[in-house]
């Protein structure tokens, strides 16, 4: 008996070969990481050597 590829937990969604977790927690973590990299980039531009 074969198992369908889309079968999994109700919180997870399959997109191509990847399982994507659904929920606002991961979105918040992604936004936090993006904010950190943006802040580091802005600081690097502001304090670049002349």
PDB file of N, CA and C in Angstrom:
ATOM      1  N   UNK A   1       0.838  -1.172   0.000  1.00  0.00           N
ATOM      2  CA  UNK A   1       0.000   0.000   0.000  1.00  0.00           C
ATOM      3  C   UNK A   1       0.892   1.247   0.000  1.00  0.00           C
ATOM      4  N   UNK A   2       0.577   2.208  -0.849  1.00  0.00           N
ATOM      5  CA  UNK A   2       1.381   3.429  -0.932  1.00  0.00           C
ATOM      6  C   UNK A   2       0.803   4.510  -0.017  1.00  0.00           C
ATOM      7  N   UNK A   3       1.685   5.371   0.439  1.00  0.00           N
ATOM      8  CA  UNK A   3       1.284   6.489   1.296  1.00  0.00           C
ATOM      9  C   UNK A   3       1.296   7.753   0.443  1.00  0.00           C
ATOM     10  N   UNK A   4       0.206   8.521   0.439  1.00  0.00           N
ATOM     11  CA  UNK A   4       0.196   9.762  -0.354  1.00  0.00           C
ATOM     12  C   UNK A   4       1.272  10.729   0.145  1.00  0.00           C
ATOM     13  N   UNK A   5       1.892  11.457  -0.770  1.00  0.00           N
ATOM     14  CA  UNK A   5       2.958  12.377  -0.411  1.00  0.00           C
ATOM     15  C   UNK A   5       2.464  13.540   0.445  1.00  0.00           C
ATOM     16  N   UNK A   6       1.196  13.912   0.297  1.00  0.00           N
ATOM     17  CA  UNK A   6       0.678  15.064   1.026  1.00  0.00           C
ATOM     18  C   UNK A   6       0.196  14.713   2.423  1.00  0.00           C
ATOM     19  N   UNK A   7       0.316  13.473   2.825  1.00  0.00           N
ATOM     20  CA  UNK A   7      -0.181  13.080   4.127  1.00  0.00           C
ATOM     21  C   UNK A   7       0.817  13.502   5.201  1.00  0.00           C
ATOM     22  N   UNK A   8       0.328  14.131   6.217  1.00  0.00           N
ATOM     23  CA  UNK A   8       1.186  14.593   7.296  1.00  0.00           C
ATOM     24  C   UNK A   8       0.342  15.246   8.370  1.00  0.00           C
ATOM     25  N   UNK A   9       1.000  15.938   9.275  1.00  0.00           N
ATOM     26  CA  UNK A   9       0.285  16.617  10.342  1.00  0.00           C
ATOM     27  C   UNK A   9      -0.606  17.712   9.762  1.00  0.00           C
ATOM     28  N   UNK A  10      -1.632  18.079  10.520  1.00  0.00           N
ATOM     29  CA  UNK A  10      -2.552  19.102  10.026  1.00  0.00           C
ATOM     30  C   UNK A  10      -1.905  20.480  10.001  1.00  0.00           C
ATOM     31  N   UNK A  11      -0.846  20.696  10.794  1.00  0.00           N
ATOM     32  CA  UNK A  11      -0.171  21.990  10.823  1.00  0.00           C
ATOM     33  C   UNK A  11       0.844  22.145   9.706  1.00  0.00           C
ATOM     34  N   UNK A  12       1.110  21.106   8.965  1.00  0.00           N
ATOM     35  CA  UNK A  12       2.159  21.142   7.949  1.00  0.00           C
ATOM     36  C   UNK A  12       1.553  21.095   6.557  1.00  0.00           C
ATOM     37  N   UNK A  13       2.195  21.782   5.640  1.00  0.00           N
ATOM     38  CA  UNK A  13       1.746  21.790   4.258  1.00  0.00           C
ATOM     39  C   UNK A  13       2.927  21.423   3.371  1.00  0.00           C
ATOM     40  N   UNK A  14       2.677  20.610   2.378  1.00  0.00           N
ATOM     41  CA  UNK A  14       3.748  20.185   1.473  1.00  0.00           C
ATOM     42  C   UNK A  14       3.736  21.081   0.247  1.00  0.00           C
ATOM     43  N   UNK A  15       4.888  21.716  -0.019  1.00  0.00           N
ATOM     44  CA  UNK A  15       5.068  22.529  -1.223  1.00  0.00           C
ATOM     45  C   UNK A  15       6.289  21.984  -1.935  1.00  0.00           C
ATOM     46  N   UNK A  16       6.065  21.305  -3.036  1.00  0.00           N
ATOM     47  CA  UNK A  16       7.162  20.650  -3.745  1.00  0.00           C
ATOM     48  C   UNK A  16       7.773  19.589  -2.850  1.00  0.00           C
ATOM     49  N   UNK A  17       9.101  19.538  -2.747  1.00  0.00           N
ATOM     50  CA  UNK A  17       9.730  18.527  -1.900  1.00  0.00           C
ATOM     51  C   UNK A  17       9.842  18.950  -0.434  1.00  0.00           C
ATOM     52  N   UNK A  18       9.313  20.137  -0.087  1.00  0.00           N
ATOM     53  CA  UNK A  18       9.506  20.690   1.247  1.00  0.00           C
ATOM     54  C   UNK A  18       8.231  20.629   2.081  1.00  0.00           C
ATOM     55  N   UNK A  19       8.388  20.424   3.375  1.00  0.00           N
ATOM     56  CA  UNK A  19       7.289  20.517   4.323  1.00  0.00           C
ATOM     57  C   UNK A  19       7.358  21.887   4.961  1.00  0.00           C
ATOM     58  N   UNK A  20       6.284  22.646   4.892  1.00  0.00           N
ATOM     59  CA  UNK A  20       6.234  23.994   5.441  1.00  0.00           C
ATOM     60  C   UNK A  20       5.369  23.962   6.698  1.00  0.00           C
ATOM     61  N   UNK A  21       5.938  24.411   7.802  1.00  0.00           N
ATOM     62  CA  UNK A  21       5.184  24.503   9.048  1.00  0.00           C
ATOM     63  C   UNK A  21       4.286  25.732   8.972  1.00  0.00           C
ATOM     64  N   UNK A  22       3.050  25.569   9.383  1.00  0.00           N
ATOM     65  CA  UNK A  22       2.136  26.696   9.405  1.00  0.00           C
ATOM     66  C   UNK A  22       2.058  27.256  10.813  1.00  0.00           C
ATOM     67  N   UNK A  23       1.948  28.550  10.906  1.00  0.00           N
ATOM     68  CA  UNK A  23       1.815  29.183  12.207  1.00  0.00           C
ATOM     69  C   UNK A  23       2.519  30.519  12.227  1.00  0.00           C
ATOM     70  N   UNK A  24       2.132  31.367  13.160  1.00  0.00           N
ATOM     71  CA  UNK A  24       2.705  32.702  13.243  1.00  0.00           C
ATOM     72  C   UNK A  24       4.062  32.710  13.930  1.00  0.00           C
ATOM     73  N   UNK A  25       4.389  31.664  14.666  1.00  0.00           N
ATOM     74  CA  UNK A  25       5.673  31.613  15.350  1.00  0.00           C
ATOM     75  C   UNK A  25       6.836  31.659  14.381  1.00  0.00           C
ATOM     76  N   UNK A  26       6.770  30.870  13.333  1.00  0.00           N
ATOM     77  CA  UNK A  26       7.863  30.859  12.358  1.00  0.00           C
ATOM     78  C   UNK A  26       7.920  32.143  11.560  1.00  0.00           C
ATOM     79  N   UNK A  27       6.769  32.755  11.310  1.00  0.00           N
ATOM     80  CA  UNK A  27       6.757  34.043  10.616  1.00  0.00           C
ATOM     81  C   UNK A  27       7.450  35.096  11.478  1.00  0.00           C
ATOM     82  N   UNK A  28       7.163  35.089  12.777  1.00  0.00           N
ATOM     83  CA  UNK A  28       7.793  36.045  13.688  1.00  0.00           C
ATOM     84  C   UNK A  28       9.306  35.839  13.747  1.00  0.00           C
ATOM     85  N   UNK A  29       9.750  34.594  13.787  1.00  0.00           N
ATOM     86  CA  UNK A  29      11.188  34.310  13.810  1.00  0.00           C
ATOM     87  C   UNK A  29      11.839  34.779  12.510  1.00  0.00           C
ATOM     88  N   UNK A  30      11.191  34.551  11.399  1.00  0.00           N
ATOM     89  CA  UNK A  30      11.720  35.006  10.115  1.00  0.00           C
ATOM     90  C   UNK A  30      11.831  36.518  10.041  1.00  0.00           C
ATOM     91  N   UNK A  31      10.812  37.218  10.553  1.00  0.00           N
ATOM     92  CA  UNK A  31      10.856  38.674  10.565  1.00  0.00           C
ATOM     93  C   UNK A  31      11.954  39.191  11.492  1.00  0.00           C
ATOM     94  N   UNK A  32      12.157  38.517  12.604  1.00  0.00           N
ATOM     95  CA  UNK A  32      13.214  38.909  13.532  1.00  0.00           C
ATOM     96  C   UNK A  32      14.595  38.753  12.890  1.00  0.00           C
ATOM     97  N   UNK A  33      14.818  37.641  12.223  1.00  0.00           N
ATOM     98  CA  UNK A  33      16.101  37.416  11.540  1.00  0.00           C
ATOM     99  C   UNK A  33      16.306  38.457  10.446  1.00  0.00           C
ATOM    100  N   UNK A  34      15.261  38.759   9.689  1.00  0.00           N
ATOM    101  CA  UNK A  34      15.350  39.761   8.643  1.00  0.00           C
ATOM    102  C   UNK A  34      15.661  41.134   9.233  1.00  0.00           C
ATOM    103  N   UNK A  35      15.049  41.474  10.363  1.00  0.00           N
ATOM    104  CA  UNK A  35      15.308  42.760  11.019  1.00  0.00           C
ATOM    105  C   UNK A  35      16.744  42.852  11.501  1.00  0.00           C
ATOM    106  N   UNK A  36      17.293  41.762  12.024  1.00  0.00           N
ATOM    107  CA  UNK A  36      18.680  41.765  12.494  1.00  0.00           C
ATOM    108  C   UNK A  36      19.636  41.999  11.322  1.00  0.00           C
ATOM    109  N   UNK A  37      19.434  41.297  10.217  1.00  0.00           N
ATOM    110  CA  UNK A  37      20.310  41.478   9.062  1.00  0.00           C
ATOM    111  C   UNK A  37      20.179  42.882   8.478  1.00  0.00           C
ATOM    112  N   UNK A  38      18.972  43.426   8.481  1.00  0.00           N
ATOM    113  CA  UNK A  38      18.772  44.785   7.986  1.00  0.00           C
ATOM    114  C   UNK A  38      19.510  45.790   8.868  1.00  0.00           C
ATOM    115  N   UNK A  39      19.417  45.630  10.178  1.00  0.00           N
ATOM    116  CA  UNK A  39      20.108  46.532  11.100  1.00  0.00           C
ATOM    117  C   UNK A  39      21.621  46.440  10.933  1.00  0.00           C
ATOM    118  N   UNK A  40      22.141  45.235  10.782  1.00  0.00           N
ATOM    119  CA  UNK A  40      23.591  45.063  10.583  1.00  0.00           C
ATOM    120  C   UNK A  40      24.029  45.711   9.280  1.00  0.00           C
ATOM    121  N   UNK A  41      23.236  45.580   8.236  1.00  0.00           N
ATOM    122  CA  UNK A  41      23.571  46.194   6.954  1.00  0.00           C
ATOM    123  C   UNK A  41      23.577  47.720   7.069  1.00  0.00           C
ATOM    124  N   UNK A  42      22.569  48.272   7.731  1.00  0.00           N
ATOM    125  CA  UNK A  42      22.503  49.726   7.896  1.00  0.00           C
ATOM    126  C   UNK A  42      23.706  50.223   8.701  1.00  0.00           C
ATOM    127  N   UNK A  43      24.062  49.513   9.754  1.00  0.00           N
ATOM    128  CA  UNK A  43      25.230  49.898  10.542  1.00  0.00           C
ATOM    129  C   UNK A  43      26.520  49.795   9.716  1.00  0.00           C
ATOM    130  N   UNK A  44      26.630  48.783   8.913  1.00  0.00           N
ATOM    131  CA  UNK A  44      27.828  48.615   8.065  1.00  0.00           C
ATOM    132  C   UNK A  44      27.953  49.762   7.073  1.00  0.00           C
ATOM    133  N   UNK A  45      26.829  50.188   6.506  1.00  0.00           N
ATOM    134  CA  UNK A  45      26.869  51.316   5.558  1.00  0.00           C
ATOM    135  C   UNK A  45      27.177  52.621   6.289  1.00  0.00           C
ATOM    136  N   UNK A  46      26.595  52.804   7.465  1.00  0.00           N
ATOM    137  CA  UNK A  46      26.791  54.044   8.206  1.00  0.00           C
ATOM    138  C   UNK A  46      28.230  54.197   8.704  1.00  0.00           C
ATOM    139  N   UNK A  47      28.860  53.107   9.095  1.00  0.00           N
ATOM    140  CA  UNK A  47      30.202  53.169   9.673  1.00  0.00           C
ATOM    141  C   UNK A  47      31.280  52.653   8.736  1.00  0.00           C
ATOM    142  N   UNK A  48      31.032  52.679   7.428  1.00  0.00           N
ATOM    143  CA  UNK A  48      32.047  52.198   6.484  1.00  0.00           C
ATOM    144  C   UNK A  48      33.240  53.140   6.483  1.00  0.00           C
ATOM    145  N   UNK A  49      34.422  52.604   6.266  1.00  0.00           N
ATOM    146  CA  UNK A  49      35.609  53.472   6.238  1.00  0.00           C
ATOM    147  C   UNK A  49      35.588  54.388   5.005  1.00  0.00           C
ATOM    148  N   UNK A  50      36.088  55.561   5.190  1.00  0.00           N
ATOM    149  CA  UNK A  50      36.093  56.526   4.064  1.00  0.00           C
ATOM    150  C   UNK A  50      37.410  56.538   3.357  1.00  0.00           C
TER     151      UNK A  50
END
